[in-house]
PDB file of N, CA and C in Angstrom:
ATOM      1  N   UNK A   1       0.848  -1.184   0.000  1.00  0.00           N
ATOM      2  CA  UNK A   1       0.000   0.000   0.000  1.00  0.00           C
ATOM      3  C   UNK A   1       0.889   1.240   0.000  1.00  0.00           C
ATOM      4  N   UNK A   2       0.487   2.227  -0.747  1.00  0.00           N
ATOM      5  CA  UNK A   2       1.208   3.487  -0.858  1.00  0.00           C
ATOM      6  C   UNK A   2       0.316   4.610  -0.345  1.00  0.00           C
ATOM      7  N   UNK A   3       0.890   5.485   0.480  1.00  0.00           N
ATOM      8  CA  UNK A   3       0.139   6.637   0.987  1.00  0.00           C
ATOM      9  C   UNK A   3       0.979   7.894   0.825  1.00  0.00           C
ATOM     10  N   UNK A   4       0.287   8.988   0.568  1.00  0.00           N
ATOM     11  CA  UNK A   4       0.969  10.263   0.321  1.00  0.00           C
ATOM     12  C   UNK A   4      -0.015  11.387   0.610  1.00  0.00           C
ATOM     13  N   UNK A   5       0.499  12.541   1.016  1.00  0.00           N
ATOM     14  CA  UNK A   5      -0.329  13.739   1.146  1.00  0.00           C
ATOM     15  C   UNK A   5      -0.001  14.624  -0.058  1.00  0.00           C
ATOM     16  N   UNK A   6      -1.042  15.059  -0.756  1.00  0.00           N
ATOM     17  CA  UNK A   6      -0.857  15.917  -1.925  1.00  0.00           C
ATOM     18  C   UNK A   6      -1.684  17.188  -1.737  1.00  0.00           C
ATOM     19  N   UNK A   7      -1.187  18.273  -2.294  1.00  0.00           N
ATOM     20  CA  UNK A   7      -1.815  19.575  -2.093  1.00  0.00           C
ATOM     21  C   UNK A   7      -2.417  20.090  -3.396  1.00  0.00           C
ATOM     22  N   UNK A   8      -3.580  20.692  -3.287  1.00  0.00           N
ATOM     23  CA  UNK A   8      -4.226  21.309  -4.452  1.00  0.00           C
ATOM     24  C   UNK A   8      -3.642  22.712  -4.612  1.00  0.00           C
ATOM     25  N   UNK A   9      -3.011  22.972  -5.766  1.00  0.00           N
ATOM     26  CA  UNK A   9      -2.346  24.257  -5.972  1.00  0.00           C
ATOM     27  C   UNK A   9      -2.977  25.092  -7.082  1.00  0.00           C
ATOM     28  N   UNK A  10      -3.898  24.510  -7.847  1.00  0.00           N
ATOM     29  CA  UNK A  10      -4.525  25.320  -8.893  1.00  0.00           C
ATOM     30  C   UNK A  10      -5.481  26.328  -8.249  1.00  0.00           C
ATOM     31  N   UNK A  11      -5.605  27.527  -8.811  1.00  0.00           N
ATOM     32  CA  UNK A  11      -6.352  28.616  -8.172  1.00  0.00           C
ATOM     33  C   UNK A  11      -7.822  28.336  -7.873  1.00  0.00           C
ATOM     34  N   UNK A  12      -8.494  27.506  -8.658  1.00  0.00           N
ATOM     35  CA  UNK A  12      -9.923  27.284  -8.469  1.00  0.00           C
ATOM     36  C   UNK A  12     -10.246  26.042  -7.649  1.00  0.00           C
ATOM     37  N   UNK A  13      -9.228  25.334  -7.170  1.00  0.00           N
ATOM     38  CA  UNK A  13      -9.484  24.153  -6.368  1.00  0.00           C
ATOM     39  C   UNK A  13     -10.001  22.990  -7.195  1.00  0.00           C
ATOM     40  N   UNK A  14     -10.638  22.068  -6.524  1.00  0.00           N
ATOM     41  CA  UNK A  14     -11.084  20.828  -7.153  1.00  0.00           C
ATOM     42  C   UNK A  14     -12.489  21.014  -7.736  1.00  0.00           C
ATOM     43  N   UNK A  15     -12.538  21.503  -8.971  1.00  0.00           N
ATOM     44  CA  UNK A  15     -13.813  21.683  -9.670  1.00  0.00           C
ATOM     45  C   UNK A  15     -13.922  20.634 -10.770  1.00  0.00           C
ATOM     46  N   UNK A  16     -14.836  20.782 -11.690  1.00  0.00           N
ATOM     47  CA  UNK A  16     -15.158  19.736 -12.664  1.00  0.00           C
ATOM     48  C   UNK A  16     -13.974  19.290 -13.529  1.00  0.00           C
ATOM     49  N   UNK A  17     -13.221  20.238 -14.082  1.00  0.00           N
ATOM     50  CA  UNK A  17     -12.114  19.857 -14.963  1.00  0.00           C
ATOM     51  C   UNK A  17     -11.033  19.057 -14.233  1.00  0.00           C
ATOM     52  N   UNK A  18     -10.533  19.539 -13.095  1.00  0.00           N
ATOM     53  CA  UNK A  18      -9.543  18.740 -12.370  1.00  0.00           C
ATOM     54  C   UNK A  18     -10.096  17.392 -11.906  1.00  0.00           C
ATOM     55  N   UNK A  19     -11.355  17.370 -11.489  1.00  0.00           N
ATOM     56  CA  UNK A  19     -11.956  16.108 -11.057  1.00  0.00           C
ATOM     57  C   UNK A  19     -11.957  15.099 -12.207  1.00  0.00           C
ATOM     58  N   UNK A  20     -12.296  15.549 -13.393  1.00  0.00           N
ATOM     59  CA  UNK A  20     -12.303  14.667 -14.567  1.00  0.00           C
ATOM     60  C   UNK A  20     -10.889  14.165 -14.870  1.00  0.00           C
ATOM     61  N   UNK A  21      -9.904  15.018 -14.707  1.00  0.00           N
ATOM     62  CA  UNK A  21      -8.517  14.610 -14.954  1.00  0.00           C
ATOM     63  C   UNK A  21      -8.055  13.580 -13.925  1.00  0.00           C
ATOM     64  N   UNK A  22      -8.468  13.755 -12.677  1.00  0.00           N
ATOM     65  CA  UNK A  22      -8.114  12.783 -11.636  1.00  0.00           C
ATOM     66  C   UNK A  22      -8.726  11.422 -11.973  1.00  0.00           C
ATOM     67  N   UNK A  23     -10.007  11.412 -12.316  1.00  0.00           N
ATOM     68  CA  UNK A  23     -10.705  10.161 -12.629  1.00  0.00           C
ATOM     69  C   UNK A  23     -10.087   9.494 -13.860  1.00  0.00           C
ATOM     70  N   UNK A  24      -9.764  10.282 -14.868  1.00  0.00           N
ATOM     71  CA  UNK A  24      -9.153   9.732 -16.082  1.00  0.00           C
ATOM     72  C   UNK A  24      -7.793   9.127 -15.748  1.00  0.00           C
ATOM     73  N   UNK A  25      -6.999   9.825 -14.961  1.00  0.00           N
ATOM     74  CA  UNK A  25      -5.670   9.342 -14.583  1.00  0.00           C
ATOM     75  C   UNK A  25      -5.790   8.072 -13.736  1.00  0.00           C
ATOM     76  N   UNK A  26      -6.628   8.094 -12.731  1.00  0.00           N
ATOM     77  CA  UNK A  26      -6.803   6.938 -11.843  1.00  0.00           C
ATOM     78  C   UNK A  26      -7.324   5.729 -12.615  1.00  0.00           C
ATOM     79  N   UNK A  27      -8.166   5.967 -13.594  1.00  0.00           N
ATOM     80  CA  UNK A  27      -8.754   4.894 -14.380  1.00  0.00           C
ATOM     81  C   UNK A  27      -7.767   4.141 -15.251  1.00  0.00           C
ATOM     82  N   UNK A  28      -6.601   4.704 -15.464  1.00  0.00           N
ATOM     83  CA  UNK A  28      -5.573   4.031 -16.271  1.00  0.00           C
ATOM     84  C   UNK A  28      -4.882   2.909 -15.514  1.00  0.00           C
ATOM     85  N   UNK A  29      -5.136   2.813 -14.219  1.00  0.00           N
ATOM     86  CA  UNK A  29      -4.428   1.849 -13.377  1.00  0.00           C
ATOM     87  C   UNK A  29      -5.394   0.838 -12.775  1.00  0.00           C
ATOM     88  N   UNK A  30      -4.898  -0.371 -12.546  1.00  0.00           N
ATOM     89  CA  UNK A  30      -5.738  -1.416 -11.959  1.00  0.00           C
ATOM     90  C   UNK A  30      -5.814  -1.316 -10.440  1.00  0.00           C
ATOM     91  N   UNK A  31      -4.885  -0.611  -9.824  1.00  0.00           N
ATOM     92  CA  UNK A  31      -4.884  -0.454  -8.362  1.00  0.00           C
ATOM     93  C   UNK A  31      -6.139   0.268  -7.889  1.00  0.00           C
ATOM     94  N   UNK A  32      -6.508  -0.002  -6.639  1.00  0.00           N
ATOM     95  CA  UNK A  32      -7.570   0.765  -5.991  1.00  0.00           C
ATOM     96  C   UNK A  32      -6.963   2.070  -5.513  1.00  0.00           C
ATOM     97  N   UNK A  33      -7.632   3.186  -5.797  1.00  0.00           N
ATOM     98  CA  UNK A  33      -7.093   4.511  -5.484  1.00  0.00           C
ATOM     99  C   UNK A  33      -8.155   5.299  -4.727  1.00  0.00           C
ATOM    100  N   UNK A  34      -7.777   5.828  -3.568  1.00  0.00           N
ATOM    101  CA  UNK A  34      -8.685   6.608  -2.735  1.00  0.00           C
ATOM    102  C   UNK A  34      -8.089   7.966  -2.441  1.00  0.00           C
ATOM    103  N   UNK A  35      -8.958   8.964  -2.325  1.00  0.00           N
ATOM    104  CA  UNK A  35      -8.583  10.297  -1.866  1.00  0.00           C
ATOM    105  C   UNK A  35      -9.301  10.561  -0.554  1.00  0.00           C
ATOM    106  N   UNK A  36      -8.622  11.234   0.365  1.00  0.00           N
ATOM    107  CA  UNK A  36      -9.202  11.557   1.671  1.00  0.00           C
ATOM    108  C   UNK A  36      -9.133  13.058   1.893  1.00  0.00           C
ATOM    109  N   UNK A  37     -10.257  13.615   2.360  1.00  0.00           N
ATOM    110  CA  UNK A  37     -10.308  15.040   2.687  1.00  0.00           C
ATOM    111  C   UNK A  37     -11.444  15.258   3.674  1.00  0.00           C
ATOM    112  N   UNK A  38     -11.175  16.008   4.730  1.00  0.00           N
ATOM    113  CA  UNK A  38     -12.194  16.310   5.753  1.00  0.00           C
ATOM    114  C   UNK A  38     -12.934  15.057   6.236  1.00  0.00           C
ATOM    115  N   UNK A  39     -12.188  14.065   6.641  1.00  0.00           N
ATOM    116  CA  UNK A  39     -12.758  12.826   7.188  1.00  0.00           C
ATOM    117  C   UNK A  39     -13.595  12.030   6.194  1.00  0.00           C
ATOM    118  N   UNK A  40     -13.481  12.340   4.908  1.00  0.00           N
ATOM    119  CA  UNK A  40     -14.154  11.559   3.870  1.00  0.00           C
ATOM    120  C   UNK A  40     -13.089  10.826   3.060  1.00  0.00           C
ATOM    121  N   UNK A  41     -13.337   9.581   2.760  1.00  0.00           N
ATOM    122  CA  UNK A  41     -12.455   8.839   1.866  1.00  0.00           C
ATOM    123  C   UNK A  41     -13.301   8.373   0.688  1.00  0.00           C
ATOM    124  N   UNK A  42     -12.842   8.701  -0.515  1.00  0.00           N
ATOM    125  CA  UNK A  42     -13.633   8.395  -1.701  1.00  0.00           C
ATOM    126  C   UNK A  42     -12.805   7.625  -2.734  1.00  0.00           C
ATOM    127  N   UNK A  43     -13.497   6.972  -3.627  1.00  0.00           N
ATOM    128  CA  UNK A  43     -12.891   6.254  -4.743  1.00  0.00           C
ATOM    129  C   UNK A  43     -12.496   7.286  -5.802  1.00  0.00           C
ATOM    130  N   UNK A  44     -11.209   7.373  -6.106  1.00  0.00           N
ATOM    131  CA  UNK A  44     -10.715   8.371  -7.066  1.00  0.00           C
ATOM    132  C   UNK A  44     -11.106   8.052  -8.505  1.00  0.00           C
ATOM    133  N   UNK A  45     -11.741   6.921  -8.731  1.00  0.00           N
ATOM    134  CA  UNK A  45     -12.183   6.565 -10.078  1.00  0.00           C
ATOM    135  C   UNK A  45     -13.647   6.929 -10.312  1.00  0.00           C
ATOM    136  N   UNK A  46     -14.268   7.568  -9.322  1.00  0.00           N
ATOM    137  CA  UNK A  46     -15.672   7.970  -9.413  1.00  0.00           C
ATOM    138  C   UNK A  46     -15.778   9.492  -9.521  1.00  0.00           C
ATOM    139  N   UNK A  47     -16.243   9.986 -10.651  1.00  0.00           N
ATOM    140  CA  UNK A  47     -16.322  11.435 -10.869  1.00  0.00           C
ATOM    141  C   UNK A  47     -17.218  12.108  -9.832  1.00  0.00           C
ATOM    142  N   UNK A  48     -18.336  11.513  -9.518  1.00  0.00           N
ATOM    143  CA  UNK A  48     -19.238  12.125  -8.536  1.00  0.00           C
ATOM    144  C   UNK A  48     -18.578  12.201  -7.156  1.00  0.00           C
ATOM    145  N   UNK A  49     -17.890  11.146  -6.773  1.00  0.00           N
ATOM    146  CA  UNK A  49     -17.219  11.138  -5.472  1.00  0.00           C
ATOM    147  C   UNK A  49     -16.125  12.200  -5.399  1.00  0.00           C
ATOM    148  N   UNK A  50     -15.342  12.324  -6.468  1.00  0.00           N
ATOM    149  CA  UNK A  50     -14.266  13.326  -6.483  1.00  0.00           C
ATOM    150  C   UNK A  50     -14.860  14.727  -6.417  1.00  0.00           C
ATOM    151  N   UNK A  51     -15.919  14.984  -7.175  1.00  0.00           N
ATOM    152  CA  UNK A  51     -16.567  16.293  -7.142  1.00  0.00           C
ATOM    153  C   UNK A  51     -17.128  16.622  -5.760  1.00  0.00           C
ATOM    154  N   UNK A  52     -17.645  15.617  -5.063  1.00  0.00           N
ATOM    155  CA  UNK A  52     -18.242  15.838  -3.748  1.00  0.00           C
ATOM    156  C   UNK A  52     -17.213  16.268  -2.700  1.00  0.00           C
ATOM    157  N   UNK A  53     -15.925  16.038  -2.957  1.00  0.00           N
ATOM    158  CA  UNK A  53     -14.907  16.488  -2.005  1.00  0.00           C
ATOM    159  C   UNK A  53     -14.888  18.009  -1.910  1.00  0.00           C
ATOM    160  N   UNK A  54     -15.125  18.690  -3.037  1.00  0.00           N
ATOM    161  CA  UNK A  54     -15.162  20.153  -3.086  1.00  0.00           C
ATOM    162  C   UNK A  54     -13.980  20.781  -2.351  1.00  0.00           C
ATOM    163  N   UNK A  55     -12.790  20.285  -2.612  1.00  0.00           N
ATOM    164  CA  UNK A  55     -11.589  20.767  -1.930  1.00  0.00           C
ATOM    165  C   UNK A  55     -11.083  22.059  -2.569  1.00  0.00           C
ATOM    166  N   UNK A  56     -10.818  23.079  -1.765  1.00  0.00           N
ATOM    167  CA  UNK A  56     -10.349  24.365  -2.285  1.00  0.00           C
ATOM    168  C   UNK A  56      -8.842  24.384  -2.519  1.00  0.00           C
ATOM    169  N   UNK A  57      -8.374  25.443  -3.145  1.00  0.00           N
ATOM    170  CA  UNK A  57      -6.938  25.633  -3.308  1.00  0.00           C
ATOM    171  C   UNK A  57      -6.289  25.618  -1.923  1.00  0.00           C
ATOM    172  N   UNK A  58      -5.155  24.973  -1.828  1.00  0.00           N
ATOM    173  CA  UNK A  58      -4.437  24.861  -0.562  1.00  0.00           C
ATOM    174  C   UNK A  58      -4.813  23.638   0.252  1.00  0.00           C
ATOM    175  N   UNK A  59      -5.884  22.955  -0.116  1.00  0.00           N
ATOM    176  CA  UNK A  59      -6.310  21.762   0.628  1.00  0.00           C
ATOM    177  C   UNK A  59      -5.277  20.654   0.465  1.00  0.00           C
ATOM    178  N   UNK A  60      -5.066  19.923   1.547  1.00  0.00           N
ATOM    179  CA  UNK A  60      -4.182  18.769   1.510  1.00  0.00           C
ATOM    180  C   UNK A  60      -5.038  17.513   1.551  1.00  0.00           C
ATOM    181  N   UNK A  61      -4.836  16.659   0.547  1.00  0.00           N
ATOM    182  CA  UNK A  61      -5.600  15.428   0.417  1.00  0.00           C
ATOM    183  C   UNK A  61      -4.703  14.236   0.709  1.00  0.00           C
ATOM    184  N   UNK A  62      -5.275  13.246   1.327  1.00  0.00           N
ATOM    185  CA  UNK A  62      -4.569  11.985   1.479  1.00  0.00           C
ATOM    186  C   UNK A  62      -4.784  11.155   0.232  1.00  0.00           C
ATOM    187  N   UNK A  63      -3.731  10.563  -0.258  1.00  0.00           N
ATOM    188  CA  UNK A  63      -3.805   9.688  -1.420  1.00  0.00           C
ATOM    189  C   UNK A  63      -3.395   8.299  -0.948  1.00  0.00           C
ATOM    190  N   UNK A  64      -4.262   7.318  -1.154  1.00  0.00           N
ATOM    191  CA  UNK A  64      -3.972   5.943  -0.754  1.00  0.00           C
ATOM    192  C   UNK A  64      -4.200   5.047  -1.952  1.00  0.00           C
ATOM    193  N   UNK A  65      -3.187   4.228  -2.255  1.00  0.00           N
ATOM    194  CA  UNK A  65      -3.233   3.356  -3.431  1.00  0.00           C
ATOM    195  C   UNK A  65      -2.830   1.946  -3.008  1.00  0.00           C
ATOM    196  N   UNK A  66      -3.582   0.986  -3.488  1.00  0.00           N
ATOM    197  CA  UNK A  66      -3.276  -0.403  -3.186  1.00  0.00           C
ATOM    198  C   UNK A  66      -3.485  -1.244  -4.432  1.00  0.00           C
ATOM    199  N   UNK A  67      -2.422  -1.928  -4.848  1.00  0.00           N
ATOM    200  CA  UNK A  67      -2.529  -2.789  -6.015  1.00  0.00           C
ATOM    201  C   UNK A  67      -1.194  -3.011  -6.687  1.00  0.00           C
ATOM    202  N   UNK A  68      -1.235  -3.720  -7.792  1.00  0.00           N
ATOM    203  CA  UNK A  68      -0.005  -4.138  -8.468  1.00  0.00           C
ATOM    204  C   UNK A  68       0.740  -2.999  -9.159  1.00  0.00           C
ATOM    205  N   UNK A  69       0.052  -1.933  -9.513  1.00  0.00           N
ATOM    206  CA  UNK A  69       0.708  -0.814 -10.205  1.00  0.00           C
ATOM    207  C   UNK A  69       0.634   0.481  -9.382  1.00  0.00           C
ATOM    208  N   UNK A  70       0.719   0.332  -8.058  1.00  0.00           N
ATOM    209  CA  UNK A  70       0.546   1.505  -7.191  1.00  0.00           C
ATOM    210  C   UNK A  70       1.657   2.544  -7.359  1.00  0.00           C
ATOM    211  N   UNK A  71       2.883   2.111  -7.625  1.00  0.00           N
ATOM    212  CA  UNK A  71       3.970   3.083  -7.765  1.00  0.00           C
ATOM    213  C   UNK A  71       3.785   3.986  -8.985  1.00  0.00           C
ATOM    214  N   UNK A  72       3.536   3.443 -10.174  1.00  0.00           N
ATOM    215  CA  UNK A  72       3.291   4.338 -11.311  1.00  0.00           C
ATOM    216  C   UNK A  72       2.007   5.148 -11.152  1.00  0.00           C
ATOM    217  N   UNK A  73       1.007   4.592 -10.491  1.00  0.00           N
ATOM    218  CA  UNK A  73      -0.239   5.340 -10.257  1.00  0.00           C
ATOM    219  C   UNK A  73       0.037   6.535  -9.355  1.00  0.00           C
ATOM    220  N   UNK A  74       0.787   6.321  -8.291  1.00  0.00           N
ATOM    221  CA  UNK A  74       1.136   7.412  -7.378  1.00  0.00           C
ATOM    222  C   UNK A  74       1.930   8.493  -8.116  1.00  0.00           C
ATOM    223  N   UNK A  75       2.908   8.074  -8.905  1.00  0.00           N
ATOM    224  CA  UNK A  75       3.722   9.035  -9.654  1.00  0.00           C
ATOM    225  C   UNK A  75       2.870   9.871 -10.603  1.00  0.00           C
ATOM    226  N   UNK A  76       1.949   9.225 -11.315  1.00  0.00           N
ATOM    227  CA  UNK A  76       1.098   9.932 -12.279  1.00  0.00           C
ATOM    228  C   UNK A  76       0.178  10.930 -11.574  1.00  0.00           C
ATOM    229  N   UNK A  77      -0.418  10.526 -10.459  1.00  0.00           N
ATOM    230  CA  UNK A  77      -1.308  11.432  -9.731  1.00  0.00           C
ATOM    231  C   UNK A  77      -0.537  12.562  -9.059  1.00  0.00           C
ATOM    232  N   UNK A  78       0.635  12.270  -8.518  1.00  0.00           N
ATOM    233  CA  UNK A  78       1.462  13.331  -7.938  1.00  0.00           C
ATOM    234  C   UNK A  78       1.812  14.376  -8.994  1.00  0.00           C
ATOM    235  N   UNK A  79       2.164  13.922 -10.185  1.00  0.00           N
ATOM    236  CA  UNK A  79       2.506  14.835 -11.281  1.00  0.00           C
ATOM    237  C   UNK A  79       1.300  15.681 -11.675  1.00  0.00           C
ATOM    238  N   UNK A  80       0.128  15.072 -11.738  1.00  0.00           N
ATOM    239  CA  UNK A  80      -1.099  15.783 -12.094  1.00  0.00           C
ATOM    240  C   UNK A  80      -1.384  16.907 -11.094  1.00  0.00           C
ATOM    241  N   UNK A  81      -1.276  16.607  -9.808  1.00  0.00           N
ATOM    242  CA  UNK A  81      -1.510  17.621  -8.774  1.00  0.00           C
ATOM    243  C   UNK A  81      -0.399  18.674  -8.795  1.00  0.00           C
ATOM    244  N   UNK A  82       0.854  18.252  -8.994  1.00  0.00           N
ATOM    245  CA  UNK A  82       1.996  19.181  -8.978  1.00  0.00           C
ATOM    246  C   UNK A  82       1.936  20.198 -10.112  1.00  0.00           C
ATOM    247  N   UNK A  83       1.286  19.847 -11.204  1.00  0.00           N
ATOM    248  CA  UNK A  83       1.181  20.769 -12.341  1.00  0.00           C
ATOM    249  C   UNK A  83      -0.106  21.594 -12.281  1.00  0.00           C
ATOM    250  N   UNK A  84      -0.833  21.478 -11.183  1.00  0.00           N
ATOM    251  CA  UNK A  84      -2.074  22.249 -11.032  1.00  0.00           C
ATOM    252  C   UNK A  84      -3.131  21.875 -12.052  1.00  0.00           C
ATOM    253  N   UNK A  85      -3.117  20.613 -12.478  1.00  0.00           N
ATOM    254  CA  UNK A  85      -4.085  20.109 -13.457  1.00  0.00           C
ATOM    255  C   UNK A  85      -4.018  20.883 -14.767  1.00  0.00           C
ATOM    256  N   UNK A  86      -2.873  21.493 -15.051  1.00  0.00           N
ATOM    257  CA  UNK A  86      -2.717  22.277 -16.276  1.00  0.00           C
ATOM    258  C   UNK A  86      -3.352  23.644 -16.219  1.00  0.00           C
ATOM    259  N   UNK A  87      -3.731  24.097 -14.999  1.00  0.00           N
ATOM    260  CA  UNK A  87      -4.423  25.388 -14.854  1.00  0.00           C
ATOM    261  C   UNK A  87      -3.528  26.495 -14.297  1.00  0.00           C
ATOM    262  N   UNK A  88      -2.251  26.225 -14.100  1.00  0.00           N
ATOM    263  CA  UNK A  88      -1.359  27.262 -13.576  1.00  0.00           C
ATOM    264  C   UNK A  88      -0.930  28.185 -14.698  1.00  0.00           C
ATOM    265  N   UNK A  89      -0.763  29.440 -14.381  1.00  0.00           N
ATOM    266  CA  UNK A  89      -0.378  30.419 -15.399  1.00  0.00           C
ATOM    267  C   UNK A  89       1.116  30.477 -15.560  1.00  0.00           C
TER     268      UNK A  89
END
């Protein structure tokens, strides 16, 4: 199992576009992937669940991955968050 804390750095926080990118990225991997925020843990492969987190800029999310490809999944999601979902100026 892999765990990491990741921070939302894009100015608008976790809205529809970033949520879709998270789900698309997570869906490329067979591992189970969860995000945690404000005592909620959700399936990162579910668009509705990711949207329901409603995490603002600066929020720190727990990322938990379990499965055969957890290392590349973690790397891909870390990169996605680190680039601000492509929304940084």
